[in-house]
Amino acid sequence: MMFNKNRLLLVMLASLMVLSSSACAKSGGGQEQSSEPVASSSASAQVEEPASSENTSGDANPDEPTLKNFKTTDLDGNEVTQEIFSNADLTMINIWATYCNPCLGEMPDLGVLAEEYADQGVQIIGILMDVYDQNWNVVQSQVDLAKEIIQETGADYLHLMPSTDLIYAKLRYVQAVPETIFVDKEGNLVGEPHLGARTKDKWSEEIQKRLEMVHSEAGAG
């Protein structure tokens, strides 16, 4: 691949350390939340590939990881690729961390929404951010903690590890959690990312809006 993996890992590790020692996006009563930048913008600038905008097109180099071309694993070590998106018309990706109270606070609602929308062409996937130590080794106690949280909150949809591919494709741009994005069957972004937690009703409205965008695009094509 064209990017320097070792350098990228060091940059991401530094960002994760800032994340883990800073406040995540503040709770805002279900409204659009104010957020504190929790990963310095200079971190992204150190990555050798351009970082001014997200590389999600997959057109420049088909070997580079994007949301249309990536590999990772779930929390149990099972391989997951971009093919997971083909299971639904719309995938809601919630990026979270175990230390983030707003993240944990909305997970019960996300678990309910995952069930309610399962037969409407919508799936929810989580990406866990804080699972590595400073040497880029998986901290099993963090994975175990995440599994406990998932069980306790009922957010038992698929959760992914932050692989190098996902870091390059998306996570290096994340400045606070929770951050939520939506993609279609091919991994194309649908609308803009949302920073912060929301209530179940607010998320339901957002899912409907993004689903309409997907269907409208499909009809136009």
N, C-alpha and C. Protein backbone atom coordinates (compact mmCIF):
# COMPACT_ATOMS: atom_id res chain seq x y z
N MET A 1 0.83 -1.20 0.00
CA MET A 1 0.00 0.00 0.00
C MET A 1 0.87 1.25 0.00
N MET A 2 0.30 2.38 -0.42
CA MET A 2 1.08 3.57 -0.62
C MET A 2 1.34 4.34 0.67
N PHE A 3 0.58 4.06 1.76
CA PHE A 3 0.80 4.81 2.97
C PHE A 3 1.74 4.04 3.89
N ASN A 4 2.40 4.77 4.80
CA ASN A 4 3.34 4.18 5.74
C ASN A 4 2.55 3.68 6.95
N LYS A 5 2.40 2.35 7.06
CA LYS A 5 1.57 1.78 8.11
C LYS A 5 2.13 2.10 9.50
N ASN A 6 3.44 1.93 9.67
CA ASN A 6 4.02 2.15 10.98
C ASN A 6 3.81 3.59 11.46
N ARG A 7 4.00 4.52 10.56
CA ARG A 7 3.82 5.91 10.92
C ARG A 7 2.36 6.19 11.24
N LEU A 8 1.47 5.61 10.46
CA LEU A 8 0.05 5.80 10.68
C LEU A 8 -0.36 5.23 12.04
N LEU A 9 0.17 4.08 12.39
CA LEU A 9 -0.16 3.47 13.67
C LEU A 9 0.29 4.36 14.82
N LEU A 10 1.48 4.93 14.70
CA LEU A 10 1.98 5.80 15.75
C LEU A 10 1.10 7.03 15.89
N VAL A 11 0.68 7.58 14.77
CA VAL A 11 -0.20 8.75 14.79
C VAL A 11 -1.52 8.40 15.46
N MET A 12 -2.08 7.26 15.07
CA MET A 12 -3.37 6.88 15.62
C MET A 12 -3.26 6.56 17.10
N LEU A 13 -2.17 5.92 17.51
CA LEU A 13 -1.97 5.64 18.93
C LEU A 13 -1.93 6.93 19.73
N ALA A 14 -1.23 7.93 19.21
CA ALA A 14 -1.16 9.21 19.90
C ALA A 14 -2.55 9.83 20.02
N SER A 15 -3.33 9.70 18.94
CA SER A 15 -4.68 10.25 18.96
C SER A 15 -5.55 9.53 19.96
N LEU A 16 -5.43 8.20 20.02
CA LEU A 16 -6.22 7.42 20.96
C LEU A 16 -5.86 7.75 22.40
N MET A 17 -4.57 8.03 22.65
CA MET A 17 -4.17 8.41 23.99
C MET A 17 -4.82 9.72 24.39
N VAL A 18 -4.93 10.66 23.45
CA VAL A 18 -5.60 11.93 23.73
C VAL A 18 -7.09 11.67 23.96
N LEU A 19 -7.67 10.82 23.13
CA LEU A 19 -9.07 10.48 23.30
C LEU A 19 -9.35 9.93 24.68
N SER A 20 -8.51 9.00 25.12
CA SER A 20 -8.77 8.32 26.38
C SER A 20 -8.57 9.21 27.59
N SER A 21 -7.85 10.32 27.42
CA SER A 21 -7.59 11.21 28.55
C SER A 21 -8.41 12.48 28.49
N SER A 22 -9.33 12.58 27.53
CA SER A 22 -10.13 13.79 27.35
C SER A 22 -11.60 13.45 27.37
N ALA A 23 -12.42 14.47 27.47
CA ALA A 23 -13.86 14.25 27.48
C ALA A 23 -14.34 13.95 26.08
N CYS A 24 -15.34 13.05 25.98
CA CYS A 24 -15.94 12.81 24.67
C CYS A 24 -17.03 13.84 24.45
N ALA A 25 -17.74 13.72 23.34
CA ALA A 25 -18.78 14.70 23.00
C ALA A 25 -19.77 14.82 24.14
N LYS A 26 -20.12 16.04 24.51
CA LYS A 26 -20.99 16.28 25.64
C LYS A 26 -22.43 15.89 25.32
N SER A 27 -23.12 15.39 26.33
CA SER A 27 -24.53 15.03 26.17
C SER A 27 -25.33 16.30 26.02
N GLY A 28 -26.30 16.25 25.11
CA GLY A 28 -27.08 17.46 24.84
C GLY A 28 -28.56 17.22 24.85
N GLY A 29 -29.05 16.29 25.67
CA GLY A 29 -30.49 16.12 25.81
C GLY A 29 -31.15 15.68 24.54
N GLY A 30 -30.44 14.95 23.70
CA GLY A 30 -31.05 14.45 22.48
C GLY A 30 -30.93 15.41 21.32
N GLN A 31 -30.39 16.61 21.56
CA GLN A 31 -30.24 17.57 20.49
C GLN A 31 -28.87 17.41 19.86
N GLU A 32 -28.62 18.16 18.79
CA GLU A 32 -27.30 18.17 18.18
C GLU A 32 -26.30 18.62 19.23
N GLN A 33 -25.25 17.84 19.49
CA GLN A 33 -24.41 18.10 20.65
C GLN A 33 -23.21 18.96 20.31
N SER A 34 -22.85 19.79 21.29
CA SER A 34 -21.57 20.47 21.18
C SER A 34 -20.49 19.45 21.44
N SER A 35 -19.30 19.70 20.93
CA SER A 35 -18.23 18.71 21.08
C SER A 35 -16.91 19.40 21.37
N GLU A 36 -16.07 18.72 22.12
CA GLU A 36 -14.70 19.17 22.33
C GLU A 36 -13.79 18.38 21.40
N PRO A 37 -12.93 19.04 20.62
CA PRO A 37 -11.97 18.27 19.82
C PRO A 37 -11.09 17.46 20.75
N VAL A 38 -11.05 16.15 20.57
CA VAL A 38 -10.28 15.31 21.48
C VAL A 38 -9.12 14.62 20.79
N ALA A 39 -8.89 14.91 19.53
CA ALA A 39 -7.67 14.46 18.85
C ALA A 39 -7.16 15.64 18.04
N SER A 40 -5.92 16.04 18.25
CA SER A 40 -5.43 17.24 17.62
C SER A 40 -5.46 17.12 16.11
N SER A 41 -5.81 18.23 15.45
CA SER A 41 -5.87 18.21 13.99
C SER A 41 -4.50 17.97 13.38
N SER A 42 -3.44 18.25 14.12
CA SER A 42 -2.10 18.04 13.59
C SER A 42 -1.79 16.56 13.43
N ALA A 43 -2.50 15.69 14.16
CA ALA A 43 -2.24 14.26 14.04
C ALA A 43 -2.54 13.77 12.65
N SER A 44 -3.67 14.19 12.11
CA SER A 44 -4.03 13.76 10.77
C SER A 44 -3.05 14.31 9.74
N ALA A 45 -2.55 15.52 9.99
CA ALA A 45 -1.66 16.14 9.02
C ALA A 45 -0.34 15.40 8.90
N GLN A 46 0.02 14.58 9.92
CA GLN A 46 1.29 13.87 9.86
C GLN A 46 1.23 12.64 8.97
N VAL A 47 0.03 12.19 8.65
CA VAL A 47 -0.11 11.01 7.81
C VAL A 47 0.35 11.34 6.41
N GLU A 48 1.08 10.46 5.80
CA GLU A 48 1.72 10.79 4.53
C GLU A 48 0.73 11.01 3.40
N GLU A 49 -0.38 10.25 3.40
CA GLU A 49 -1.40 10.49 2.38
C GLU A 49 -2.19 11.74 2.74
N PRO A 50 -2.80 12.44 1.77
CA PRO A 50 -3.56 13.65 2.08
C PRO A 50 -4.64 13.35 3.09
N ALA A 51 -4.78 14.24 4.08
CA ALA A 51 -5.76 14.02 5.13
C ALA A 51 -6.77 15.14 5.22
N SER A 52 -6.82 16.02 4.25
CA SER A 52 -7.72 17.15 4.31
C SER A 52 -9.16 16.75 4.06
N SER A 53 -9.38 15.62 3.40
CA SER A 53 -10.73 15.13 3.18
C SER A 53 -10.69 13.62 3.22
N GLU A 54 -11.84 13.00 3.56
CA GLU A 54 -11.85 11.56 3.72
C GLU A 54 -11.74 10.85 2.38
N ASN A 55 -10.88 9.86 2.33
CA ASN A 55 -10.68 9.09 1.12
C ASN A 55 -11.65 7.91 1.12
N THR A 56 -12.84 8.12 0.58
CA THR A 56 -13.84 7.06 0.58
C THR A 56 -14.28 6.67 -0.82
N SER A 57 -13.69 7.27 -1.84
CA SER A 57 -14.13 6.97 -3.20
C SER A 57 -13.58 5.65 -3.70
N GLY A 58 -12.36 5.32 -3.29
CA GLY A 58 -11.75 4.08 -3.76
C GLY A 58 -11.28 4.17 -5.19
N ASP A 59 -11.27 5.38 -5.78
CA ASP A 59 -10.95 5.52 -7.20
C ASP A 59 -9.45 5.71 -7.45
N ALA A 60 -8.76 6.40 -6.52
CA ALA A 60 -7.37 6.74 -6.77
C ALA A 60 -6.48 5.50 -6.81
N ASN A 61 -6.66 4.63 -5.87
CA ASN A 61 -5.85 3.41 -5.79
C ASN A 61 -6.70 2.32 -5.17
N PRO A 62 -7.08 1.30 -5.93
CA PRO A 62 -7.98 0.27 -5.41
C PRO A 62 -7.37 -0.55 -4.29
N ASP A 63 -6.04 -0.45 -4.08
CA ASP A 63 -5.40 -1.19 -3.01
C ASP A 63 -5.47 -0.47 -1.67
N GLU A 64 -5.74 0.84 -1.70
CA GLU A 64 -5.81 1.60 -0.46
C GLU A 64 -7.11 1.29 0.27
N PRO A 65 -7.05 1.15 1.60
CA PRO A 65 -8.28 0.87 2.35
C PRO A 65 -9.22 2.07 2.36
N THR A 66 -10.46 1.84 2.12
CA THR A 66 -11.53 2.83 2.23
C THR A 66 -12.71 2.10 2.84
N LEU A 67 -13.79 2.79 3.03
CA LEU A 67 -15.00 2.13 3.50
C LEU A 67 -15.57 1.21 2.43
N LYS A 68 -15.02 1.26 1.23
CA LYS A 68 -15.41 0.36 0.15
C LYS A 68 -14.40 -0.76 -0.03
N ASN A 69 -13.35 -0.76 0.79
CA ASN A 69 -12.27 -1.73 0.61
C ASN A 69 -11.48 -1.84 1.91
N PHE A 70 -11.90 -2.72 2.82
CA PHE A 70 -11.19 -2.83 4.09
C PHE A 70 -11.33 -4.24 4.66
N LYS A 71 -10.45 -4.55 5.60
CA LYS A 71 -10.53 -5.77 6.38
C LYS A 71 -10.38 -5.42 7.85
N THR A 72 -11.11 -6.13 8.68
CA THR A 72 -10.98 -5.99 10.12
C THR A 72 -11.52 -7.27 10.75
N THR A 73 -11.75 -7.25 12.05
CA THR A 73 -12.38 -8.38 12.72
C THR A 73 -13.45 -7.85 13.67
N ASP A 74 -14.34 -8.74 14.07
CA ASP A 74 -15.26 -8.37 15.14
C ASP A 74 -14.57 -8.60 16.48
N LEU A 75 -15.26 -8.41 17.57
CA LEU A 75 -14.63 -8.51 18.89
C LEU A 75 -14.24 -9.93 19.25
N ASP A 76 -14.73 -10.90 18.48
CA ASP A 76 -14.36 -12.30 18.71
C ASP A 76 -13.29 -12.78 17.75
N GLY A 77 -12.76 -11.89 16.91
CA GLY A 77 -11.68 -12.25 16.01
C GLY A 77 -12.12 -12.77 14.65
N ASN A 78 -13.41 -12.74 14.35
CA ASN A 78 -13.91 -13.18 13.05
C ASN A 78 -13.68 -12.09 12.01
N GLU A 79 -13.17 -12.47 10.83
CA GLU A 79 -12.86 -11.48 9.80
C GLU A 79 -14.14 -10.85 9.25
N VAL A 80 -14.05 -9.55 9.05
CA VAL A 80 -15.14 -8.77 8.46
C VAL A 80 -14.54 -7.87 7.39
N THR A 81 -15.22 -7.78 6.25
CA THR A 81 -14.78 -6.90 5.16
C THR A 81 -15.93 -5.97 4.78
N GLN A 82 -15.69 -5.16 3.75
CA GLN A 82 -16.72 -4.25 3.25
C GLN A 82 -17.96 -4.98 2.77
N GLU A 83 -17.86 -6.29 2.55
CA GLU A 83 -19.02 -7.06 2.11
C GLU A 83 -20.15 -7.03 3.13
N ILE A 84 -19.83 -6.67 4.38
CA ILE A 84 -20.86 -6.61 5.40
C ILE A 84 -21.93 -5.58 5.05
N PHE A 85 -21.55 -4.56 4.30
CA PHE A 85 -22.51 -3.52 3.93
C PHE A 85 -23.56 -4.02 2.95
N SER A 86 -23.24 -5.06 2.19
CA SER A 86 -24.18 -5.57 1.19
C SER A 86 -25.40 -6.23 1.83
N ASN A 87 -25.37 -6.42 3.15
CA ASN A 87 -26.49 -7.05 3.84
C ASN A 87 -27.67 -6.11 4.04
N ALA A 88 -27.48 -4.82 3.78
CA ALA A 88 -28.54 -3.85 4.04
C ALA A 88 -28.47 -2.72 3.02
N ASP A 89 -29.60 -2.03 2.83
CA ASP A 89 -29.61 -0.84 1.98
C ASP A 89 -28.84 0.29 2.64
N LEU A 90 -28.95 0.36 3.97
CA LEU A 90 -28.31 1.44 4.72
C LEU A 90 -27.66 0.85 5.97
N THR A 91 -26.41 1.24 6.21
CA THR A 91 -25.72 0.83 7.43
C THR A 91 -25.38 2.06 8.25
N MET A 92 -25.80 2.03 9.49
CA MET A 92 -25.47 3.08 10.45
C MET A 92 -24.25 2.61 11.23
N ILE A 93 -23.15 3.39 11.17
CA ILE A 93 -21.90 3.02 11.84
C ILE A 93 -21.69 3.96 13.02
N ASN A 94 -21.73 3.41 14.21
CA ASN A 94 -21.57 4.19 15.43
C ASN A 94 -20.17 3.95 16.00
N ILE A 95 -19.36 4.99 16.05
CA ILE A 95 -17.98 4.91 16.52
C ILE A 95 -17.97 5.31 18.00
N TRP A 96 -17.51 4.42 18.87
CA TRP A 96 -17.65 4.64 20.30
C TRP A 96 -16.43 4.18 21.08
N ALA A 97 -16.43 4.48 22.38
CA ALA A 97 -15.34 4.06 23.27
C ALA A 97 -15.94 3.71 24.62
N THR A 98 -15.24 2.86 25.35
CA THR A 98 -15.77 2.37 26.62
C THR A 98 -15.82 3.45 27.69
N TYR A 99 -14.96 4.48 27.58
CA TYR A 99 -14.90 5.54 28.59
C TYR A 99 -15.92 6.64 28.36
N CYS A 100 -16.65 6.59 27.26
CA CYS A 100 -17.50 7.70 26.82
C CYS A 100 -18.93 7.51 27.32
N ASN A 101 -19.34 8.31 28.29
CA ASN A 101 -20.69 8.17 28.86
C ASN A 101 -21.80 8.42 27.85
N PRO A 102 -21.71 9.46 27.00
CA PRO A 102 -22.75 9.63 25.98
C PRO A 102 -22.85 8.44 25.03
N CYS A 103 -21.68 7.83 24.71
CA CYS A 103 -21.69 6.62 23.88
C CYS A 103 -22.51 5.53 24.54
N LEU A 104 -22.20 5.26 25.81
CA LEU A 104 -22.87 4.19 26.53
C LEU A 104 -24.34 4.51 26.75
N GLY A 105 -24.63 5.80 26.93
CA GLY A 105 -26.00 6.21 27.20
C GLY A 105 -26.95 5.96 26.04
N GLU A 106 -26.45 6.04 24.80
CA GLU A 106 -27.33 5.85 23.66
C GLU A 106 -27.36 4.41 23.16
N MET A 107 -26.50 3.56 23.68
CA MET A 107 -26.42 2.19 23.17
C MET A 107 -27.69 1.37 23.39
N PRO A 108 -28.40 1.50 24.52
CA PRO A 108 -29.66 0.76 24.64
C PRO A 108 -30.66 1.13 23.53
N ASP A 109 -30.75 2.41 23.20
CA ASP A 109 -31.64 2.84 22.12
C ASP A 109 -31.18 2.31 20.77
N LEU A 110 -29.87 2.29 20.55
CA LEU A 110 -29.35 1.77 19.29
C LEU A 110 -29.64 0.27 19.17
N GLY A 111 -29.59 -0.43 20.29
CA GLY A 111 -29.93 -1.85 20.27
C GLY A 111 -31.38 -2.08 19.87
N VAL A 112 -32.27 -1.24 20.39
CA VAL A 112 -33.70 -1.35 20.03
C VAL A 112 -33.90 -0.99 18.56
N LEU A 113 -33.25 0.08 18.12
CA LEU A 113 -33.38 0.50 16.72
C LEU A 113 -32.87 -0.57 15.77
N ALA A 114 -31.79 -1.24 16.14
CA ALA A 114 -31.26 -2.31 15.29
C ALA A 114 -32.30 -3.39 15.07
N GLU A 115 -33.06 -3.71 16.10
CA GLU A 115 -34.11 -4.72 15.97
C GLU A 115 -35.29 -4.19 15.16
N GLU A 116 -35.68 -2.96 15.43
CA GLU A 116 -36.85 -2.39 14.76
C GLU A 116 -36.65 -2.21 13.26
N TYR A 117 -35.42 -1.91 12.85
CA TYR A 117 -35.15 -1.63 11.44
C TYR A 117 -34.55 -2.82 10.70
N ALA A 118 -34.41 -3.93 11.36
CA ALA A 118 -33.77 -5.09 10.73
C ALA A 118 -34.50 -5.55 9.48
N ASP A 119 -35.84 -5.41 9.47
CA ASP A 119 -36.62 -5.86 8.31
C ASP A 119 -36.93 -4.71 7.36
N GLN A 120 -36.24 -3.57 7.54
CA GLN A 120 -36.45 -2.42 6.67
C GLN A 120 -35.20 -2.06 5.87
N GLY A 121 -34.27 -3.00 5.78
CA GLY A 121 -33.07 -2.77 4.99
C GLY A 121 -32.03 -1.92 5.69
N VAL A 122 -32.08 -1.87 7.03
CA VAL A 122 -31.14 -1.06 7.79
C VAL A 122 -30.44 -1.93 8.82
N GLN A 123 -29.13 -1.76 8.95
CA GLN A 123 -28.37 -2.44 10.00
C GLN A 123 -27.50 -1.42 10.74
N ILE A 124 -27.18 -1.74 11.97
CA ILE A 124 -26.31 -0.89 12.79
C ILE A 124 -25.04 -1.68 13.11
N ILE A 125 -23.91 -1.01 12.97
CA ILE A 125 -22.60 -1.60 13.28
C ILE A 125 -21.85 -0.63 14.18
N GLY A 126 -21.17 -1.15 15.18
CA GLY A 126 -20.34 -0.32 16.04
C GLY A 126 -18.87 -0.51 15.70
N ILE A 127 -18.08 0.54 15.90
CA ILE A 127 -16.61 0.42 15.83
C ILE A 127 -16.06 0.90 17.16
N LEU A 128 -15.36 0.02 17.85
CA LEU A 128 -14.79 0.33 19.16
C LEU A 128 -13.41 0.95 19.00
N MET A 129 -13.19 2.08 19.66
CA MET A 129 -11.94 2.81 19.46
C MET A 129 -10.82 2.42 20.42
N ASP A 130 -11.12 2.18 21.69
CA ASP A 130 -10.07 2.13 22.71
C ASP A 130 -9.74 0.69 23.12
N VAL A 131 -9.01 -0.02 22.25
CA VAL A 131 -8.69 -1.42 22.54
C VAL A 131 -7.19 -1.73 22.42
N TYR A 132 -6.35 -0.74 22.10
CA TYR A 132 -4.93 -0.99 21.91
C TYR A 132 -4.09 -0.29 22.98
N ASP A 133 -2.93 -0.89 23.29
CA ASP A 133 -1.98 -0.21 24.18
C ASP A 133 -0.97 0.57 23.34
N GLN A 134 0.05 1.12 23.99
CA GLN A 134 1.00 1.98 23.30
C GLN A 134 1.88 1.23 22.32
N ASN A 135 1.92 -0.08 22.44
CA ASN A 135 2.69 -0.89 21.50
C ASN A 135 1.82 -1.53 20.43
N TRP A 136 0.60 -1.03 20.32
CA TRP A 136 -0.34 -1.50 19.31
C TRP A 136 -0.72 -2.97 19.51
N ASN A 137 -0.77 -3.37 20.78
CA ASN A 137 -1.26 -4.70 21.12
C ASN A 137 -2.69 -4.58 21.65
N VAL A 138 -3.50 -5.57 21.31
CA VAL A 138 -4.87 -5.56 21.79
C VAL A 138 -4.87 -5.77 23.30
N VAL A 139 -5.58 -4.93 24.01
CA VAL A 139 -5.76 -5.07 25.45
C VAL A 139 -7.02 -5.90 25.67
N GLN A 140 -6.85 -7.16 26.00
CA GLN A 140 -8.00 -8.05 26.10
C GLN A 140 -9.00 -7.61 27.16
N SER A 141 -8.50 -6.99 28.23
CA SER A 141 -9.42 -6.52 29.26
C SER A 141 -10.35 -5.45 28.71
N GLN A 142 -9.88 -4.65 27.76
CA GLN A 142 -10.73 -3.64 27.13
C GLN A 142 -11.78 -4.30 26.24
N VAL A 143 -11.36 -5.32 25.51
CA VAL A 143 -12.31 -6.06 24.67
C VAL A 143 -13.37 -6.72 25.56
N ASP A 144 -12.93 -7.30 26.67
CA ASP A 144 -13.87 -7.95 27.58
C ASP A 144 -14.83 -6.92 28.18
N LEU A 145 -14.31 -5.75 28.53
CA LEU A 145 -15.15 -4.69 29.05
C LEU A 145 -16.19 -4.27 28.02
N ALA A 146 -15.75 -4.13 26.78
CA ALA A 146 -16.68 -3.75 25.70
C ALA A 146 -17.78 -4.79 25.55
N LYS A 147 -17.42 -6.06 25.63
CA LYS A 147 -18.42 -7.12 25.52
C LYS A 147 -19.43 -7.05 26.66
N GLU A 148 -18.95 -6.73 27.86
CA GLU A 148 -19.85 -6.58 29.00
C GLU A 148 -20.82 -5.42 28.78
N ILE A 149 -20.28 -4.32 28.28
CA ILE A 149 -21.11 -3.14 28.01
C ILE A 149 -22.17 -3.47 26.97
N ILE A 150 -21.76 -4.16 25.92
CA ILE A 150 -22.69 -4.53 24.85
C ILE A 150 -23.81 -5.41 25.40
N GLN A 151 -23.45 -6.35 26.25
CA GLN A 151 -24.46 -7.24 26.83
C GLN A 151 -25.39 -6.49 27.76
N GLU A 152 -24.83 -5.62 28.60
CA GLU A 152 -25.63 -4.89 29.57
C GLU A 152 -26.57 -3.87 28.91
N THR A 153 -26.13 -3.28 27.81
CA THR A 153 -26.94 -2.25 27.15
C THR A 153 -27.88 -2.82 26.11
N GLY A 154 -27.70 -4.08 25.74
CA GLY A 154 -28.55 -4.67 24.71
C GLY A 154 -28.17 -4.25 23.30
N ALA A 155 -27.00 -3.62 23.16
CA ALA A 155 -26.53 -3.19 21.84
C ALA A 155 -25.79 -4.34 21.18
N ASP A 156 -26.49 -5.45 20.97
CA ASP A 156 -25.84 -6.68 20.53
C ASP A 156 -25.78 -6.84 19.02
N TYR A 157 -25.64 -5.72 18.33
CA TYR A 157 -25.36 -5.76 16.90
C TYR A 157 -23.85 -5.95 16.72
N LEU A 158 -23.40 -6.04 15.49
CA LEU A 158 -22.00 -6.29 15.20
C LEU A 158 -21.12 -5.12 15.62
N HIS A 159 -20.02 -5.42 16.31
CA HIS A 159 -19.04 -4.40 16.69
C HIS A 159 -17.69 -4.80 16.13
N LEU A 160 -16.98 -3.82 15.56
CA LEU A 160 -15.72 -4.08 14.87
C LEU A 160 -14.53 -3.52 15.62
N MET A 161 -13.38 -4.15 15.41
CA MET A 161 -12.11 -3.64 15.91
C MET A 161 -11.60 -2.54 14.98
N PRO A 162 -10.86 -1.57 15.51
CA PRO A 162 -10.32 -0.48 14.68
C PRO A 162 -9.04 -0.91 13.97
N SER A 163 -9.18 -1.68 12.92
CA SER A 163 -8.01 -2.18 12.19
C SER A 163 -7.27 -1.03 11.50
N THR A 164 -6.07 -1.34 11.03
CA THR A 164 -5.30 -0.34 10.27
C THR A 164 -6.09 0.16 9.08
N ASP A 165 -6.79 -0.74 8.40
CA ASP A 165 -7.61 -0.33 7.25
C ASP A 165 -8.66 0.69 7.66
N LEU A 166 -9.37 0.42 8.76
CA LEU A 166 -10.42 1.33 9.19
C LEU A 166 -9.85 2.64 9.72
N ILE A 167 -8.67 2.57 10.32
CA ILE A 167 -8.02 3.80 10.75
C ILE A 167 -7.74 4.70 9.55
N TYR A 168 -7.18 4.10 8.51
CA TYR A 168 -6.86 4.89 7.33
C TYR A 168 -8.12 5.36 6.61
N ALA A 169 -9.12 4.50 6.54
CA ALA A 169 -10.33 4.82 5.79
C ALA A 169 -11.19 5.87 6.47
N LYS A 170 -11.25 5.84 7.81
CA LYS A 170 -12.16 6.75 8.50
C LYS A 170 -11.65 7.25 9.85
N LEU A 171 -11.14 6.35 10.70
CA LEU A 171 -10.96 6.68 12.12
C LEU A 171 -9.94 7.76 12.38
N ARG A 172 -8.99 7.95 11.47
CA ARG A 172 -7.99 9.01 11.68
C ARG A 172 -8.60 10.40 11.60
N TYR A 173 -9.83 10.49 11.10
CA TYR A 173 -10.51 11.78 11.02
C TYR A 173 -11.41 12.03 12.23
N VAL A 174 -11.59 11.03 13.08
CA VAL A 174 -12.51 11.16 14.21
C VAL A 174 -11.84 11.99 15.30
N GLN A 175 -12.51 13.06 15.73
CA GLN A 175 -11.96 13.94 16.75
C GLN A 175 -12.68 13.82 18.08
N ALA A 176 -13.84 13.18 18.10
CA ALA A 176 -14.58 12.96 19.34
C ALA A 176 -15.55 11.82 19.12
N VAL A 177 -15.94 11.18 20.20
CA VAL A 177 -16.92 10.11 20.14
C VAL A 177 -18.07 10.44 21.08
N PRO A 178 -19.28 9.96 20.77
CA PRO A 178 -19.59 9.12 19.62
C PRO A 178 -19.69 9.93 18.33
N GLU A 179 -19.25 9.32 17.25
CA GLU A 179 -19.49 9.85 15.91
C GLU A 179 -20.19 8.78 15.11
N THR A 180 -21.18 9.19 14.35
CA THR A 180 -21.98 8.23 13.59
C THR A 180 -22.01 8.63 12.12
N ILE A 181 -21.79 7.65 11.26
CA ILE A 181 -21.88 7.87 9.82
C ILE A 181 -22.82 6.82 9.23
N PHE A 182 -23.28 7.09 8.02
CA PHE A 182 -24.15 6.17 7.30
C PHE A 182 -23.54 5.86 5.95
N VAL A 183 -23.64 4.60 5.53
CA VAL A 183 -23.15 4.19 4.22
C VAL A 183 -24.18 3.32 3.53
N ASP A 184 -24.06 3.25 2.19
CA ASP A 184 -24.97 2.39 1.43
C ASP A 184 -24.34 1.01 1.25
N LYS A 185 -24.93 0.21 0.37
CA LYS A 185 -24.47 -1.17 0.17
C LYS A 185 -23.02 -1.25 -0.27
N GLU A 186 -22.53 -0.21 -0.95
CA GLU A 186 -21.18 -0.22 -1.50
C GLU A 186 -20.17 0.52 -0.63
N GLY A 187 -20.62 0.99 0.52
CA GLY A 187 -19.71 1.72 1.40
C GLY A 187 -19.60 3.19 1.09
N ASN A 188 -20.48 3.72 0.24
CA ASN A 188 -20.49 5.15 -0.04
C ASN A 188 -21.16 5.89 1.12
N LEU A 189 -20.58 7.01 1.52
CA LEU A 189 -21.19 7.80 2.59
C LEU A 189 -22.55 8.33 2.15
N VAL A 190 -23.50 8.29 3.08
CA VAL A 190 -24.83 8.81 2.84
C VAL A 190 -25.04 9.99 3.79
N GLY A 191 -24.99 11.21 3.27
CA GLY A 191 -25.11 12.38 4.12
C GLY A 191 -23.84 12.65 4.90
N GLU A 192 -23.94 13.58 5.84
CA GLU A 192 -22.79 14.01 6.63
C GLU A 192 -22.67 13.22 7.93
N PRO A 193 -21.47 13.12 8.49
CA PRO A 193 -21.31 12.48 9.80
C PRO A 193 -22.05 13.27 10.88
N HIS A 194 -22.42 12.59 11.95
CA HIS A 194 -23.05 13.27 13.10
C HIS A 194 -22.19 13.05 14.33
N LEU A 195 -21.85 14.13 15.00
CA LEU A 195 -21.05 14.06 16.21
C LEU A 195 -21.95 14.19 17.43
N GLY A 196 -21.90 13.21 18.32
CA GLY A 196 -22.67 13.25 19.54
C GLY A 196 -23.78 12.22 19.57
N ALA A 197 -24.34 12.04 20.76
CA ALA A 197 -25.42 11.08 20.97
C ALA A 197 -26.77 11.72 20.67
N ARG A 198 -27.76 10.86 20.44
CA ARG A 198 -29.13 11.30 20.21
C ARG A 198 -30.10 10.36 20.91
N THR A 199 -31.33 10.83 21.06
CA THR A 199 -32.36 9.97 21.60
C THR A 199 -32.83 8.99 20.52
N LYS A 200 -33.57 8.00 20.94
CA LYS A 200 -34.11 7.01 20.00
C LYS A 200 -34.96 7.67 18.93
N ASP A 201 -35.82 8.58 19.32
CA ASP A 201 -36.69 9.24 18.35
C ASP A 201 -35.90 10.05 17.34
N LYS A 202 -34.89 10.76 17.82
CA LYS A 202 -34.06 11.57 16.91
C LYS A 202 -33.30 10.67 15.94
N TRP A 203 -32.78 9.55 16.43
CA TRP A 203 -32.07 8.65 15.54
C TRP A 203 -33.03 8.02 14.54
N SER A 204 -34.23 7.71 14.97
CA SER A 204 -35.21 7.13 14.05
C SER A 204 -35.52 8.10 12.91
N GLU A 205 -35.66 9.37 13.24
CA GLU A 205 -35.88 10.38 12.20
C GLU A 205 -34.70 10.45 11.25
N GLU A 206 -33.50 10.37 11.80
CA GLU A 206 -32.30 10.46 10.97
C GLU A 206 -32.17 9.23 10.07
N ILE A 207 -32.47 8.07 10.60
CA ILE A 207 -32.41 6.85 9.80
C ILE A 207 -33.38 6.92 8.64
N GLN A 208 -34.59 7.39 8.91
CA GLN A 208 -35.59 7.51 7.85
C GLN A 208 -35.12 8.47 6.77
N LYS A 209 -34.52 9.59 7.19
CA LYS A 209 -34.02 10.57 6.22
C LYS A 209 -32.91 9.99 5.36
N ARG A 210 -31.97 9.29 5.98
CA ARG A 210 -30.85 8.71 5.22
C ARG A 210 -31.35 7.57 4.32
N LEU A 211 -32.34 6.82 4.79
CA LEU A 211 -32.89 5.74 3.98
C LEU A 211 -33.57 6.30 2.74
N GLU A 212 -34.26 7.41 2.91
CA GLU A 212 -34.89 8.07 1.76
C GLU A 212 -33.85 8.55 0.77
N MET A 213 -32.72 9.03 1.28
CA MET A 213 -31.63 9.46 0.40
C MET A 213 -31.11 8.30 -0.43
N VAL A 214 -30.96 7.14 0.20
CA VAL A 214 -30.48 5.95 -0.51
C VAL A 214 -31.47 5.54 -1.57
N HIS A 215 -32.74 5.48 -1.23
CA HIS A 215 -33.77 5.07 -2.18
C HIS A 215 -33.91 6.07 -3.32
N SER A 216 -33.76 7.35 -3.00
CA SER A 216 -33.83 8.38 -4.03
C SER A 216 -32.68 8.25 -5.01
N GLU A 217 -31.50 7.97 -4.49
CA GLU A 217 -30.32 7.79 -5.35
C GLU A 217 -30.47 6.56 -6.23
N ALA A 218 -31.04 5.50 -5.65
CA ALA A 218 -31.24 4.28 -6.41
C ALA A 218 -32.26 4.49 -7.52
N GLY A 219 -33.30 5.29 -7.21
CA GLY A 219 -34.32 5.57 -8.23
C GLY A 219 -33.78 6.43 -9.35
N ALA A 220 -32.89 7.36 -8.98
CA ALA A 220 -32.30 8.24 -10.00
C ALA A 220 -31.38 7.46 -10.91
N GLY A 221 -30.75 6.40 -10.34
CA GLY A 221 -29.82 5.62 -11.15
C GLY A 221 -30.52 4.69 -12.10
